[in-house]
PDB file of N, CA and C in Angstrom:
ATOM      1  N   UNK A   1      19.486-198.088  74.376  1.00  0.00           N
ATOM      2  CA  UNK A   1      18.282-197.864  75.145  1.00  0.00           C
ATOM      3  C   UNK A   1      17.247-198.894  74.725  1.00  0.00           C
ATOM      4  N   UNK A   2      16.620-199.554  75.703  1.00  0.00           N
ATOM      5  CA  UNK A   2      15.609-200.544  75.393  1.00  0.00           C
ATOM      6  C   UNK A   2      14.341-199.849  74.922  1.00  0.00           C
ATOM      7  N   UNK A   3      13.459-200.636  74.320  1.00  0.00           N
ATOM      8  CA  UNK A   3      12.197-200.091  73.822  1.00  0.00           C
ATOM      9  C   UNK A   3      11.390-199.470  74.950  1.00  0.00           C
ATOM     10  N   UNK A   4      11.316-200.151  76.098  1.00  0.00           N
ATOM     11  CA  UNK A   4      10.525-199.602  77.201  1.00  0.00           C
ATOM     12  C   UNK A   4      11.143-198.315  77.735  1.00  0.00           C
ATOM     13  N   UNK A   5      12.477-198.229  77.784  1.00  0.00           N
ATOM     14  CA  UNK A   5      13.129-196.989  78.216  1.00  0.00           C
ATOM     15  C   UNK A   5      12.831-195.856  77.245  1.00  0.00           C
ATOM     16  N   UNK A   6      12.820-196.163  75.961  1.00  0.00           N
ATOM     17  CA  UNK A   6      12.510-195.154  74.950  1.00  0.00           C
ATOM     18  C   UNK A   6      11.099-194.625  75.091  1.00  0.00           C
ATOM     19  N   UNK A   7      10.163-195.527  75.369  1.00  0.00           N
ATOM     20  CA  UNK A   7       8.774-195.105  75.566  1.00  0.00           C
ATOM     21  C   UNK A   7       8.650-194.219  76.797  1.00  0.00           C
ATOM     22  N   UNK A   8       9.349-194.594  77.861  1.00  0.00           N
ATOM     23  CA  UNK A   8       9.295-193.807  79.101  1.00  0.00           C
ATOM     24  C   UNK A   8       9.910-192.430  78.882  1.00  0.00           C
ATOM     25  N   UNK A   9      11.048-192.385  78.183  1.00  0.00           N
ATOM     26  CA  UNK A   9      11.689-191.098  77.890  1.00  0.00           C
ATOM     27  C   UNK A   9      10.767-190.208  77.075  1.00  0.00           C
ATOM     28  N   UNK A  10      10.172-190.783  76.038  1.00  0.00           N
ATOM     29  CA  UNK A  10       9.264-189.987  75.219  1.00  0.00           C
ATOM     30  C   UNK A  10       8.082-189.514  76.050  1.00  0.00           C
ATOM     31  N   UNK A  11       7.551-190.376  76.900  1.00  0.00           N
ATOM     32  CA  UNK A  11       6.430-189.996  77.756  1.00  0.00           C
ATOM     33  C   UNK A  11       6.777-188.819  78.661  1.00  0.00           C
ATOM     34  N   UNK A  12       7.971-188.860  79.246  1.00  0.00           N
ATOM     35  CA  UNK A  12       8.414-187.746  80.093  1.00  0.00           C
ATOM     36  C   UNK A  12       8.521-186.456  79.296  1.00  0.00           C
ATOM     37  N   UNK A  13       9.065-186.573  78.093  1.00  0.00           N
ATOM     38  CA  UNK A  13       9.209-185.381  77.251  1.00  0.00           C
ATOM     39  C   UNK A  13       7.856-184.805  76.858  1.00  0.00           C
ATOM     40  N   UNK A  14       6.909-185.673  76.537  1.00  0.00           N
ATOM     41  CA  UNK A  14       5.568-185.200  76.181  1.00  0.00           C
ATOM     42  C   UNK A  14       4.937-184.500  77.376  1.00  0.00           C
ATOM     43  N   UNK A  15       5.037-185.105  78.563  1.00  0.00           N
ATOM     44  CA  UNK A  15       4.484-184.473  79.771  1.00  0.00           C
ATOM     45  C   UNK A  15       5.120-183.109  80.011  1.00  0.00           C
ATOM     46  N   UNK A  16       6.448-183.050  79.868  1.00  0.00           N
ATOM     47  CA  UNK A  16       7.171-181.798  80.099  1.00  0.00           C
ATOM     48  C   UNK A  16       6.711-180.719  79.130  1.00  0.00           C
ATOM     49  N   UNK A  17       6.558-181.094  77.851  1.00  0.00           N
ATOM     50  CA  UNK A  17       6.163-180.115  76.838  1.00  0.00           C
ATOM     51  C   UNK A  17       4.711-179.687  76.992  1.00  0.00           C
ATOM     52  N   UNK A  18       3.845-180.603  77.400  1.00  0.00           N
ATOM     53  CA  UNK A  18       2.446-180.248  77.668  1.00  0.00           C
ATOM     54  C   UNK A  18       2.402-179.210  78.790  1.00  0.00           C
ATOM     55  N   UNK A  19       3.150-179.488  79.847  1.00  0.00           N
ATOM     56  CA  UNK A  19       3.174-178.569  80.988  1.00  0.00           C
ATOM     57  C   UNK A  19       3.754-177.215  80.586  1.00  0.00           C
ATOM     58  N   UNK A  20       4.853-177.252  79.826  1.00  0.00           N
ATOM     59  CA  UNK A  20       5.495-176.006  79.390  1.00  0.00           C
ATOM     60  C   UNK A  20       4.565-175.177  78.517  1.00  0.00           C
ATOM     61  N   UNK A  21       3.793-175.854  77.674  1.00  0.00           N
ATOM     62  CA  UNK A  21       2.879-175.164  76.762  1.00  0.00           C
ATOM     63  C   UNK A  21       1.634-174.665  77.495  1.00  0.00           C
ATOM     64  N   UNK A  22       1.378-175.218  78.684  1.00  0.00           N
ATOM     65  CA  UNK A  22       0.210-174.791  79.449  1.00  0.00           C
ATOM     66  C   UNK A  22      -1.095-175.332  78.909  1.00  0.00           C
ATOM     67  N   UNK A  23      -1.036-176.547  78.369  1.00  0.00           N
ATOM     68  CA  UNK A  23      -2.245-177.175  77.844  1.00  0.00           C
ATOM     69  C   UNK A  23      -2.472-178.492  78.583  1.00  0.00           C
ATOM     70  N   UNK A  24      -3.605-179.107  78.307  1.00  0.00           N
ATOM     71  CA  UNK A  24      -3.903-180.416  78.889  1.00  0.00           C
ATOM     72  C   UNK A  24      -3.643-181.505  77.854  1.00  0.00           C
ATOM     73  N   UNK A  25      -3.583-182.731  78.339  1.00  0.00           N
ATOM     74  CA  UNK A  25      -3.435-183.866  77.426  1.00  0.00           C
ATOM     75  C   UNK A  25      -4.629-183.946  76.483  1.00  0.00           C
ATOM     76  N   UNK A  26      -5.811-183.614  76.987  1.00  0.00           N
ATOM     77  CA  UNK A  26      -7.017-183.629  76.147  1.00  0.00           C
ATOM     78  C   UNK A  26      -6.911-182.596  75.022  1.00  0.00           C
ATOM     79  N   UNK A  27      -6.349-181.427  75.331  1.00  0.00           N
ATOM     80  CA  UNK A  27      -6.175-180.405  74.298  1.00  0.00           C
ATOM     81  C   UNK A  27      -5.157-180.867  73.252  1.00  0.00           C
ATOM     82  N   UNK A  28      -4.071-181.494  73.706  1.00  0.00           N
ATOM     83  CA  UNK A  28      -3.090-182.008  72.748  1.00  0.00           C
ATOM     84  C   UNK A  28      -3.726-183.076  71.872  1.00  0.00           C
ATOM     85  N   UNK A  29      -4.522-183.938  72.469  1.00  0.00           N
ATOM     86  CA  UNK A  29      -5.203-184.986  71.700  1.00  0.00           C
ATOM     87  C   UNK A  29      -6.059-184.375  70.594  1.00  0.00           C
ATOM     88  N   UNK A  30      -6.786-183.320  70.939  1.00  0.00           N
ATOM     89  CA  UNK A  30      -7.637-182.662  69.946  1.00  0.00           C
ATOM     90  C   UNK A  30      -6.792-182.046  68.825  1.00  0.00           C
ATOM     91  N   UNK A  31      -5.695-181.414  69.187  1.00  0.00           N
ATOM     92  CA  UNK A  31      -4.809-180.793  68.206  1.00  0.00           C
ATOM     93  C   UNK A  31      -4.257-181.835  67.237  1.00  0.00           C
ATOM     94  N   UNK A  32      -3.914-183.017  67.785  1.00  0.00           N
ATOM     95  CA  UNK A  32      -3.295-184.072  66.977  1.00  0.00           C
ATOM     96  C   UNK A  32      -4.314-184.979  66.289  1.00  0.00           C
ATOM     97  N   UNK A  33      -5.584-184.856  66.669  1.00  0.00           N
ATOM     98  CA  UNK A  33      -6.613-185.702  66.067  1.00  0.00           C
ATOM     99  C   UNK A  33      -6.571-187.133  66.564  1.00  0.00           C
ATOM    100  N   UNK A  34      -6.229-187.298  67.853  1.00  0.00           N
ATOM    101  CA  UNK A  34      -6.219-188.628  68.462  1.00  0.00           C
ATOM    102  C   UNK A  34      -7.054-188.575  69.738  1.00  0.00           C
ATOM    103  N   UNK A  35      -7.268-189.719  70.343  1.00  0.00           N
ATOM    104  CA  UNK A  35      -8.043-189.754  71.586  1.00  0.00           C
ATOM    105  C   UNK A  35      -7.178-189.338  72.772  1.00  0.00           C
ATOM    106  N   UNK A  36      -7.834-188.917  73.822  1.00  0.00           N
ATOM    107  CA  UNK A  36      -7.136-188.579  75.062  1.00  0.00           C
ATOM    108  C   UNK A  36      -6.425-189.816  75.605  1.00  0.00           C
ATOM    109  N   UNK A  37      -7.040-190.982  75.447  1.00  0.00           N
ATOM    110  CA  UNK A  37      -6.423-192.230  75.906  1.00  0.00           C
ATOM    111  C   UNK A  37      -5.109-192.492  75.178  1.00  0.00           C
ATOM    112  N   UNK A  38      -5.049-192.138  73.897  1.00  0.00           N
ATOM    113  CA  UNK A  38      -3.819-192.319  73.125  1.00  0.00           C
ATOM    114  C   UNK A  38      -2.709-191.432  73.680  1.00  0.00           C
ATOM    115  N   UNK A  39      -3.007-190.166  73.931  1.00  0.00           N
ATOM    116  CA  UNK A  39      -2.007-189.258  74.506  1.00  0.00           C
ATOM    117  C   UNK A  39      -1.595-189.760  75.889  1.00  0.00           C
ATOM    118  N   UNK A  40      -2.549-190.271  76.650  1.00  0.00           N
ATOM    119  CA  UNK A  40      -2.244-190.832  77.963  1.00  0.00           C
ATOM    120  C   UNK A  40      -1.280-192.016  77.842  1.00  0.00           C
ATOM    121  N   UNK A  41      -1.527-192.896  76.870  1.00  0.00           N
ATOM    122  CA  UNK A  41      -0.629-194.039  76.656  1.00  0.00           C
ATOM    123  C   UNK A  41       0.780-193.577  76.289  1.00  0.00           C
ATOM    124  N   UNK A  42       0.890-192.551  75.444  1.00  0.00           N
ATOM    125  CA  UNK A  42       2.208-192.006  75.094  1.00  0.00           C
ATOM    126  C   UNK A  42       2.877-191.421  76.328  1.00  0.00           C
ATOM    127  N   UNK A  43       2.129-190.607  77.081  1.00  0.00           N
ATOM    128  CA  UNK A  43       2.678-189.910  78.244  1.00  0.00           C
ATOM    129  C   UNK A  43       3.111-190.866  79.350  1.00  0.00           C
ATOM    130  N   UNK A  44       2.463-192.006  79.421  1.00  0.00           N
ATOM    131  CA  UNK A  44       2.796-192.991  80.450  1.00  0.00           C
ATOM    132  C   UNK A  44       3.757-194.066  79.960  1.00  0.00           C
ATOM    133  N   UNK A  45       4.296-193.882  78.764  1.00  0.00           N
ATOM    134  CA  UNK A  45       5.297-194.804  78.245  1.00  0.00           C
ATOM    135  C   UNK A  45       4.761-196.160  77.852  1.00  0.00           C
ATOM    136  N   UNK A  46       3.466-196.234  77.554  1.00  0.00           N
ATOM    137  CA  UNK A  46       2.879-197.522  77.161  1.00  0.00           C
ATOM    138  C   UNK A  46       3.054-197.801  75.676  1.00  0.00           C
ATOM    139  N   UNK A  47       2.924-196.744  74.860  1.00  0.00           N
ATOM    140  CA  UNK A  47       3.047-196.888  73.407  1.00  0.00           C
ATOM    141  C   UNK A  47       3.815-195.704  72.831  1.00  0.00           C
ATOM    142  N   UNK A  48       4.305-195.904  71.610  1.00  0.00           N
ATOM    143  CA  UNK A  48       4.967-194.827  70.861  1.00  0.00           C
ATOM    144  C   UNK A  48       3.970-194.199  69.901  1.00  0.00           C
ATOM    145  N   UNK A  49       4.066-192.894  69.687  1.00  0.00           N
ATOM    146  CA  UNK A  49       3.274-192.298  68.605  1.00  0.00           C
ATOM    147  C   UNK A  49       3.882-192.672  67.249  1.00  0.00           C
ATOM    148  N   UNK A  50       3.077-192.642  66.232  1.00  0.00           N
ATOM    149  CA  UNK A  50       3.593-192.832  64.870  1.00  0.00           C
ATOM    150  C   UNK A  50       4.420-191.605  64.502  1.00  0.00           C
ATOM    151  N   UNK A  51       5.304-191.765  63.539  1.00  0.00           N
ATOM    152  CA  UNK A  51       6.230-190.689  63.158  1.00  0.00           C
ATOM    153  C   UNK A  51       5.479-189.427  62.753  1.00  0.00           C
ATOM    154  N   UNK A  52       4.355-189.560  62.073  1.00  0.00           N
ATOM    155  CA  UNK A  52       3.596-188.372  61.659  1.00  0.00           C
ATOM    156  C   UNK A  52       3.121-187.585  62.877  1.00  0.00           C
ATOM    157  N   UNK A  53       2.746-188.283  63.942  1.00  0.00           N
ATOM    158  CA  UNK A  53       2.302-187.609  65.165  1.00  0.00           C
ATOM    159  C   UNK A  53       3.489-186.983  65.902  1.00  0.00           C
ATOM    160  N   UNK A  54       4.647-187.642  65.860  1.00  0.00           N
ATOM    161  CA  UNK A  54       5.859-187.061  66.453  1.00  0.00           C
ATOM    162  C   UNK A  54       6.197-185.762  65.724  1.00  0.00           C
ATOM    163  N   UNK A  55       6.133-185.796  64.398  1.00  0.00           N
ATOM    164  CA  UNK A  55       6.417-184.593  63.610  1.00  0.00           C
ATOM    165  C   UNK A  55       5.410-183.482  63.926  1.00  0.00           C
ATOM    166  N   UNK A  56       4.146-183.848  64.054  1.00  0.00           N
ATOM    167  CA  UNK A  56       3.099-182.860  64.358  1.00  0.00           C
ATOM    168  C   UNK A  56       3.345-182.252  65.745  1.00  0.00           C
ATOM    169  N   UNK A  57       3.687-183.097  66.730  1.00  0.00           N
ATOM    170  CA  UNK A  57       3.965-182.577  68.077  1.00  0.00           C
ATOM    171  C   UNK A  57       5.184-181.659  68.068  1.00  0.00           C
ATOM    172  N   UNK A  58       6.237-182.067  67.364  1.00  0.00           N
ATOM    173  CA  UNK A  58       7.445-181.244  67.305  1.00  0.00           C
ATOM    174  C   UNK A  58       7.119-179.877  66.707  1.00  0.00           C
ATOM    175  N   UNK A  59       6.339-179.880  65.653  1.00  0.00           N
ATOM    176  CA  UNK A  59       5.938-178.610  65.025  1.00  0.00           C
ATOM    177  C   UNK A  59       5.087-177.777  65.984  1.00  0.00           C
ATOM    178  N   UNK A  60       4.122-178.411  66.632  1.00  0.00           N
ATOM    179  CA  UNK A  60       3.244-177.685  67.550  1.00  0.00           C
ATOM    180  C   UNK A  60       4.027-177.090  68.727  1.00  0.00           C
ATOM    181  N   UNK A  61       4.904-177.883  69.331  1.00  0.00           N
ATOM    182  CA  UNK A  61       5.661-177.419  70.494  1.00  0.00           C
ATOM    183  C   UNK A  61       6.859-176.540  70.105  1.00  0.00           C
ATOM    184  N   UNK A  62       7.185-176.502  68.812  1.00  0.00           N
ATOM    185  CA  UNK A  62       8.311-175.689  68.365  1.00  0.00           C
ATOM    186  C   UNK A  62       9.655-176.261  68.781  1.00  0.00           C
ATOM    187  N   UNK A  63       9.761-177.598  68.731  1.00  0.00           N
ATOM    188  CA  UNK A  63      10.997-178.279  69.110  1.00  0.00           C
ATOM    189  C   UNK A  63      11.434-179.218  67.986  1.00  0.00           C
ATOM    190  N   UNK A  64      12.623-179.747  68.125  1.00  0.00           N
ATOM    191  CA  UNK A  64      13.107-180.769  67.192  1.00  0.00           C
ATOM    192  C   UNK A  64      12.494-182.118  67.572  1.00  0.00           C
ATOM    193  N   UNK A  65      12.389-183.030  66.623  1.00  0.00           N
ATOM    194  CA  UNK A  65      11.876-184.370  66.933  1.00  0.00           C
ATOM    195  C   UNK A  65      12.739-185.036  68.010  1.00  0.00           C
ATOM    196  N   UNK A  66      14.034-184.771  67.983  1.00  0.00           N
ATOM    197  CA  UNK A  66      14.938-185.339  68.987  1.00  0.00           C
ATOM    198  C   UNK A  66      14.546-184.910  70.399  1.00  0.00           C
ATOM    199  N   UNK A  67      13.972-183.715  70.528  1.00  0.00           N
ATOM    200  CA  UNK A  67      13.542-183.236  71.843  1.00  0.00           C
ATOM    201  C   UNK A  67      12.381-184.051  72.394  1.00  0.00           C
ATOM    202  N   UNK A  68      11.687-184.761  71.537  1.00  0.00           N
ATOM    203  CA  UNK A  68      10.597-185.636  71.974  1.00  0.00           C
ATOM    204  C   UNK A  68      11.092-187.040  72.282  1.00  0.00           C
ATOM    205  N   UNK A  69      12.054-187.524  71.524  1.00  0.00           N
ATOM    206  CA  UNK A  69      12.426-188.940  71.648  1.00  0.00           C
ATOM    207  C   UNK A  69      13.682-189.196  72.472  1.00  0.00           C
ATOM    208  N   UNK A  70      14.472-188.158  72.740  1.00  0.00           N
ATOM    209  CA  UNK A  70      15.717-188.354  73.468  1.00  0.00           C
ATOM    210  C   UNK A  70      15.639-187.753  74.855  1.00  0.00           C
ATOM    211  N   UNK A  71      16.398-188.324  75.762  1.00  0.00           N
ATOM    212  CA  UNK A  71      16.494-187.805  77.119  1.00  0.00           C
ATOM    213  C   UNK A  71      17.269-186.499  77.070  1.00  0.00           C
ATOM    214  N   UNK A  72      16.688-185.388  77.544  1.00  0.00           N
ATOM    215  CA  UNK A  72      17.383-184.095  77.456  1.00  0.00           C
ATOM    216  C   UNK A  72      18.712-184.083  78.209  1.00  0.00           C
ATOM    217  N   UNK A  73      18.885-184.969  79.175  1.00  0.00           N
ATOM    218  CA  UNK A  73      20.133-185.003  79.937  1.00  0.00           C
ATOM    219  C   UNK A  73      21.242-185.750  79.210  1.00  0.00           C
ATOM    220  N   UNK A  74      20.880-186.540  78.194  1.00  0.00           N
ATOM    221  CA  UNK A  74      21.905-187.317  77.503  1.00  0.00           C
ATOM    222  C   UNK A  74      22.158-186.865  76.079  1.00  0.00           C
ATOM    223  N   UNK A  75      21.416-185.861  75.626  1.00  0.00           N
ATOM    224  CA  UNK A  75      21.656-185.345  74.276  1.00  0.00           C
ATOM    225  C   UNK A  75      23.018-184.674  74.291  1.00  0.00           C
ATOM    226  N   UNK A  76      23.919-185.177  73.464  1.00  0.00           N
ATOM    227  CA  UNK A  76      25.268-184.612  73.478  1.00  0.00           C
ATOM    228  C   UNK A  76      25.316-183.332  72.653  1.00  0.00           C
ATOM    229  N   UNK A  77      26.056-182.392  73.155  1.00  0.00           N
ATOM    230  CA  UNK A  77      26.216-181.114  72.459  1.00  0.00           C
ATOM    231  C   UNK A  77      27.161-181.281  71.286  1.00  0.00           C
ATOM    232  N   UNK A  78      26.903-180.532  70.236  1.00  0.00           N
ATOM    233  CA  UNK A  78      27.826-180.541  69.112  1.00  0.00           C
ATOM    234  C   UNK A  78      29.059-179.748  69.510  1.00  0.00           C
ATOM    235  N   UNK A  79      30.116-179.882  68.747  1.00  0.00           N
ATOM    236  CA  UNK A  79      31.362-179.180  69.059  1.00  0.00           C
ATOM    237  C   UNK A  79      31.148-177.670  69.083  1.00  0.00           C
ATOM    238  N   UNK A  80      30.248-177.167  68.229  1.00  0.00           N
ATOM    239  CA  UNK A  80      30.022-175.721  68.204  1.00  0.00           C
ATOM    240  C   UNK A  80      29.260-175.243  69.441  1.00  0.00           C
ATOM    241  N   UNK A  81      28.527-176.132  70.101  1.00  0.00           N
ATOM    242  CA  UNK A  81      27.797-175.770  71.313  1.00  0.00           C
ATOM    243  C   UNK A  81      28.682-175.779  72.551  1.00  0.00           C
ATOM    244  N   UNK A  82      29.769-176.506  72.504  1.00  0.00           N
ATOM    245  CA  UNK A  82      30.554-176.717  73.720  1.00  0.00           C
ATOM    246  C   UNK A  82      31.000-175.425  74.415  1.00  0.00           C
ATOM    247  N   UNK A  83      31.586-174.449  73.713  1.00  0.00           N
ATOM    248  CA  UNK A  83      31.990-173.227  74.422  1.00  0.00           C
ATOM    249  C   UNK A  83      30.803-172.485  75.039  1.00  0.00           C
ATOM    250  N   UNK A  84      29.668-172.501  74.359  1.00  0.00           N
ATOM    251  CA  UNK A  84      28.482-171.815  74.853  1.00  0.00           C
ATOM    252  C   UNK A  84      27.970-172.501  76.113  1.00  0.00           C
ATOM    253  N   UNK A  85      27.925-173.830  76.091  1.00  0.00           N
ATOM    254  CA  UNK A  85      27.457-174.561  77.259  1.00  0.00           C
ATOM    255  C   UNK A  85      28.414-174.397  78.429  1.00  0.00           C
ATOM    256  N   UNK A  86      29.699-174.350  78.160  1.00  0.00           N
ATOM    257  CA  UNK A  86      30.679-174.131  79.220  1.00  0.00           C
ATOM    258  C   UNK A  86      30.475-172.758  79.847  1.00  0.00           C
ATOM    259  N   UNK A  87      30.194-171.754  79.034  1.00  0.00           N
ATOM    260  CA  UNK A  87      29.951-170.407  79.555  1.00  0.00           C
ATOM    261  C   UNK A  87      28.753-170.412  80.503  1.00  0.00           C
ATOM    262  N   UNK A  88      27.700-171.080  80.102  1.00  0.00           N
ATOM    263  CA  UNK A  88      26.509-171.141  80.948  1.00  0.00           C
ATOM    264  C   UNK A  88      26.796-171.898  82.235  1.00  0.00           C
ATOM    265  N   UNK A  89      27.511-172.996  82.113  1.00  0.00           N
ATOM    266  CA  UNK A  89      27.820-173.810  83.287  1.00  0.00           C
ATOM    267  C   UNK A  89      28.636-173.042  84.321  1.00  0.00           C
ATOM    268  N   UNK A  90      29.595-172.279  83.871  1.00  0.00           N
ATOM    269  CA  UNK A  90      30.479-171.575  84.784  1.00  0.00           C
ATOM    270  C   UNK A  90      29.964-170.197  85.175  1.00  0.00           C
ATOM    271  N   UNK A  91      28.760-169.850  84.729  1.00  0.00           N
ATOM    272  CA  UNK A  91      28.150-168.587  85.134  1.00  0.00           C
ATOM    273  C   UNK A  91      28.769-167.368  84.480  1.00  0.00           C
ATOM    274  N   UNK A  92      29.338-167.546  83.320  1.00  0.00           N
ATOM    275  CA  UNK A  92      29.945-166.425  82.611  1.00  0.00           C
ATOM    276  C   UNK A  92      28.846-165.567  81.995  1.00  0.00           C
ATOM    277  N   UNK A  93      29.026-164.276  82.034  1.00  0.00           N
ATOM    278  CA  UNK A  93      28.056-163.342  81.461  1.00  0.00           C
ATOM    279  C   UNK A  93      27.916-163.622  79.967  1.00  0.00           C
ATOM    280  N   UNK A  94      26.705-163.951  79.542  1.00  0.00           N
ATOM    281  CA  UNK A  94      26.476-164.272  78.134  1.00  0.00           C
ATOM    282  C   UNK A  94      25.811-163.129  77.380  1.00  0.00           C
ATOM    283  N   UNK A  95      25.672-161.980  78.024  1.00  0.00           N
ATOM    284  CA  UNK A  95      24.965-160.869  77.392  1.00  0.00           C
ATOM    285  C   UNK A  95      25.674-160.352  76.139  1.00  0.00           C
ATOM    286  N   UNK A  96      26.980-160.583  76.030  1.00  0.00           N
ATOM    287  CA  UNK A  96      27.701-160.100  74.858  1.00  0.00           C
ATOM    288  C   UNK A  96      27.665-161.095  73.695  1.00  0.00           C
ATOM    289  N   UNK A  97      27.100-162.277  73.918  1.00  0.00           N
ATOM    290  CA  UNK A  97      27.000-163.261  72.839  1.00  0.00           C
ATOM    291  C   UNK A  97      25.981-162.799  71.801  1.00  0.00           C
ATOM    292  N   UNK A  98      26.150-163.225  70.567  1.00  0.00           N
ATOM    293  CA  UNK A  98      25.123-162.936  69.556  1.00  0.00           C
ATOM    294  C   UNK A  98      23.777-163.516  70.011  1.00  0.00           C
ATOM    295  N   UNK A  99      22.695-162.894  69.590  1.00  0.00           N
ATOM    296  CA  UNK A  99      21.353-163.310  70.019  1.00  0.00           C
ATOM    297  C   UNK A  99      21.113-164.805  69.841  1.00  0.00           C
ATOM    298  N   UNK A 100      21.494-165.350  68.689  1.00  0.00           N
ATOM    299  CA  UNK A 100      21.256-166.770  68.417  1.00  0.00           C
ATOM    300  C   UNK A 100      21.993-167.654  69.424  1.00  0.00           C
ATOM    301  N   UNK A 101      23.236-167.348  69.707  1.00  0.00           N
ATOM    302  CA  UNK A 101      24.006-168.133  70.672  1.00  0.00           C
ATOM    303  C   UNK A 101      23.432-168.002  72.073  1.00  0.00           C
ATOM    304  N   UNK A 102      23.035-166.803  72.448  1.00  0.00           N
ATOM    305  CA  UNK A 102      22.456-166.580  73.770  1.00  0.00           C
ATOM    306  C   UNK A 102      21.158-167.376  73.919  1.00  0.00           C
ATOM    307  N   UNK A 103      20.333-167.383  72.871  1.00  0.00           N
ATOM    308  CA  UNK A 103      19.089-168.167  72.899  1.00  0.00           C
ATOM    309  C   UNK A 103      19.393-169.657  73.037  1.00  0.00           C
ATOM    310  N   UNK A 104      20.427-170.132  72.342  1.00  0.00           N
ATOM    311  CA  UNK A 104      20.799-171.551  72.448  1.00  0.00           C
ATOM    312  C   UNK A 104      21.219-171.892  73.867  1.00  0.00           C
ATOM    313  N   UNK A 105      21.987-171.026  74.509  1.00  0.00           N
ATOM    314  CA  UNK A 105      22.405-171.267  75.893  1.00  0.00           C
ATOM    315  C   UNK A 105      21.173-171.358  76.790  1.00  0.00           C
ATOM    316  N   UNK A 106      20.292-170.404  76.655  1.00  0.00           N
ATOM    317  CA  UNK A 106      19.094-170.363  77.498  1.00  0.00           C
ATOM    318  C   UNK A 106      18.206-171.574  77.236  1.00  0.00           C
ATOM    319  N   UNK A 107      17.991-171.919  75.960  1.00  0.00           N
ATOM    320  CA  UNK A 107      17.144-173.059  75.614  1.00  0.00           C
ATOM    321  C   UNK A 107      17.717-174.364  76.154  1.00  0.00           C
ATOM    322  N   UNK A 108      19.038-174.543  76.047  1.00  0.00           N
ATOM    323  CA  UNK A 108      19.663-175.765  76.551  1.00  0.00           C
ATOM    324  C   UNK A 108      19.561-175.842  78.062  1.00  0.00           C
ATOM    325  N   UNK A 109      19.761-174.717  78.728  1.00  0.00           N
ATOM    326  CA  UNK A 109      19.665-174.696  80.190  1.00  0.00           C
ATOM    327  C   UNK A 109      18.236-175.019  80.624  1.00  0.00           C
ATOM    328  N   UNK A 110      17.248-174.437  79.931  1.00  0.00           N
ATOM    329  CA  UNK A 110      15.849-174.710  80.256  1.00  0.00           C
ATOM    330  C   UNK A 110      15.525-176.194  80.059  1.00  0.00           C
ATOM    331  N   UNK A 111      15.965-176.758  78.939  1.00  0.00           N
ATOM    332  CA  UNK A 111      15.690-178.172  78.660  1.00  0.00           C
ATOM    333  C   UNK A 111      16.307-179.063  79.736  1.00  0.00           C
ATOM    334  N   UNK A 112      17.504-178.724  80.156  1.00  0.00           N
ATOM    335  CA  UNK A 112      18.178-179.512  81.189  1.00  0.00           C
ATOM    336  C   UNK A 112      17.399-179.440  82.500  1.00  0.00           C
ATOM    337  N   UNK A 113      17.025-178.244  82.914  1.00  0.00           N
ATOM    338  CA  UNK A 113      16.293-178.071  84.170  1.00  0.00           C
ATOM    339  C   UNK A 113      14.922-178.743  84.088  1.00  0.00           C
ATOM    340  N   UNK A 114      14.241-178.600  82.959  1.00  0.00           N
ATOM    341  CA  UNK A 114      12.937-179.245  82.806  1.00  0.00           C
ATOM    342  C   UNK A 114      13.062-180.763  82.889  1.00  0.00           C
ATOM    343  N   UNK A 115      14.148-181.303  82.329  1.00  0.00           N
ATOM    344  CA  UNK A 115      14.391-182.739  82.434  1.00  0.00           C
ATOM    345  C   UNK A 115      14.603-183.168  83.874  1.00  0.00           C
ATOM    346  N   UNK A 116      15.358-182.374  84.632  1.00  0.00           N
ATOM    347  CA  UNK A 116      15.568-182.671  86.047  1.00  0.00           C
ATOM    348  C   UNK A 116      14.249-182.636  86.813  1.00  0.00           C
ATOM    349  N   UNK A 117      13.436-181.634  86.531  1.00  0.00           N
ATOM    350  CA  UNK A 117      12.145-181.507  87.210  1.00  0.00           C
ATOM    351  C   UNK A 117      11.241-182.684  86.870  1.00  0.00           C
ATOM    352  N   UNK A 118      11.184-183.061  85.589  1.00  0.00           N
ATOM    353  CA  UNK A 118      10.349-184.184  85.174  1.00  0.00           C
ATOM    354  C   UNK A 118      10.800-185.464  85.864  1.00  0.00           C
ATOM    355  N   UNK A 119      12.106-185.672  85.935  1.00  0.00           N
ATOM    356  CA  UNK A 119      12.617-186.876  86.618  1.00  0.00           C
ATOM    357  C   UNK A 119      12.262-186.845  88.089  1.00  0.00           C
ATOM    358  N   UNK A 120      12.413-185.702  88.738  1.00  0.00           N
ATOM    359  CA  UNK A 120      12.075-185.567  90.149  1.00  0.00           C
ATOM    360  C   UNK A 120      10.595-185.863  90.378  1.00  0.00           C
ATOM    361  N   UNK A 121       9.742-185.289  89.520  1.00  0.00           N
ATOM    362  CA  UNK A 121       8.305-185.507  89.671  1.00  0.00           C
ATOM    363  C   UNK A 121       7.938-186.964  89.455  1.00  0.00           C
ATOM    364  N   UNK A 122       8.614-187.623  88.489  1.00  0.00           N
ATOM    365  CA  UNK A 122       8.332-189.037  88.242  1.00  0.00           C
ATOM    366  C   UNK A 122       8.750-189.902  89.422  1.00  0.00           C
ATOM    367  N   UNK A 123       9.889-189.579  90.000  1.00  0.00           N
ATOM    368  CA  UNK A 123      10.409-190.358  91.137  1.00  0.00           C
ATOM    369  C   UNK A 123       9.546-190.141  92.374  1.00  0.00           C
ATOM    370  N   UNK A 124       9.065-188.932  92.574  1.00  0.00           N
ATOM    371  CA  UNK A 124       8.322-188.590  93.779  1.00  0.00           C
ATOM    372  C   UNK A 124       6.810-188.568  93.588  1.00  0.00           C
ATOM    373  N   UNK A 125       6.352-189.122  92.495  1.00  0.00           N
ATOM    374  CA  UNK A 125       4.896-189.126  92.222  1.00  0.00           C
ATOM    375  C   UNK A 125       4.190-190.180  93.050  1.00  0.00           C
TER     376      UNK A 125
END
């Protein structure tokens, strides 16, 4: 992935997480101790945040750092996730799964759909 693609991916992820959290870019800027223009530059793929800010955002949004820097559609599942993801894909009832596994299925499905929505909004903006 080129540097510009990485910035764009991170920007999409930041926008998606801001929207999911129900806050504004200005509110995120205040939380992180940066200017609104800085958050705007990150969200628009102009610049990368420093690692400390990535860590702070991941903690605030309750996600892994990878969820900020990687495209949710290309994050490969670990071998232990594969059966769970297959169950979700094929519409198998997951109610009998342990709570942790069921949450992982739901979280992965949400991340995938949010990524699709973000891409659609970017293309049709």
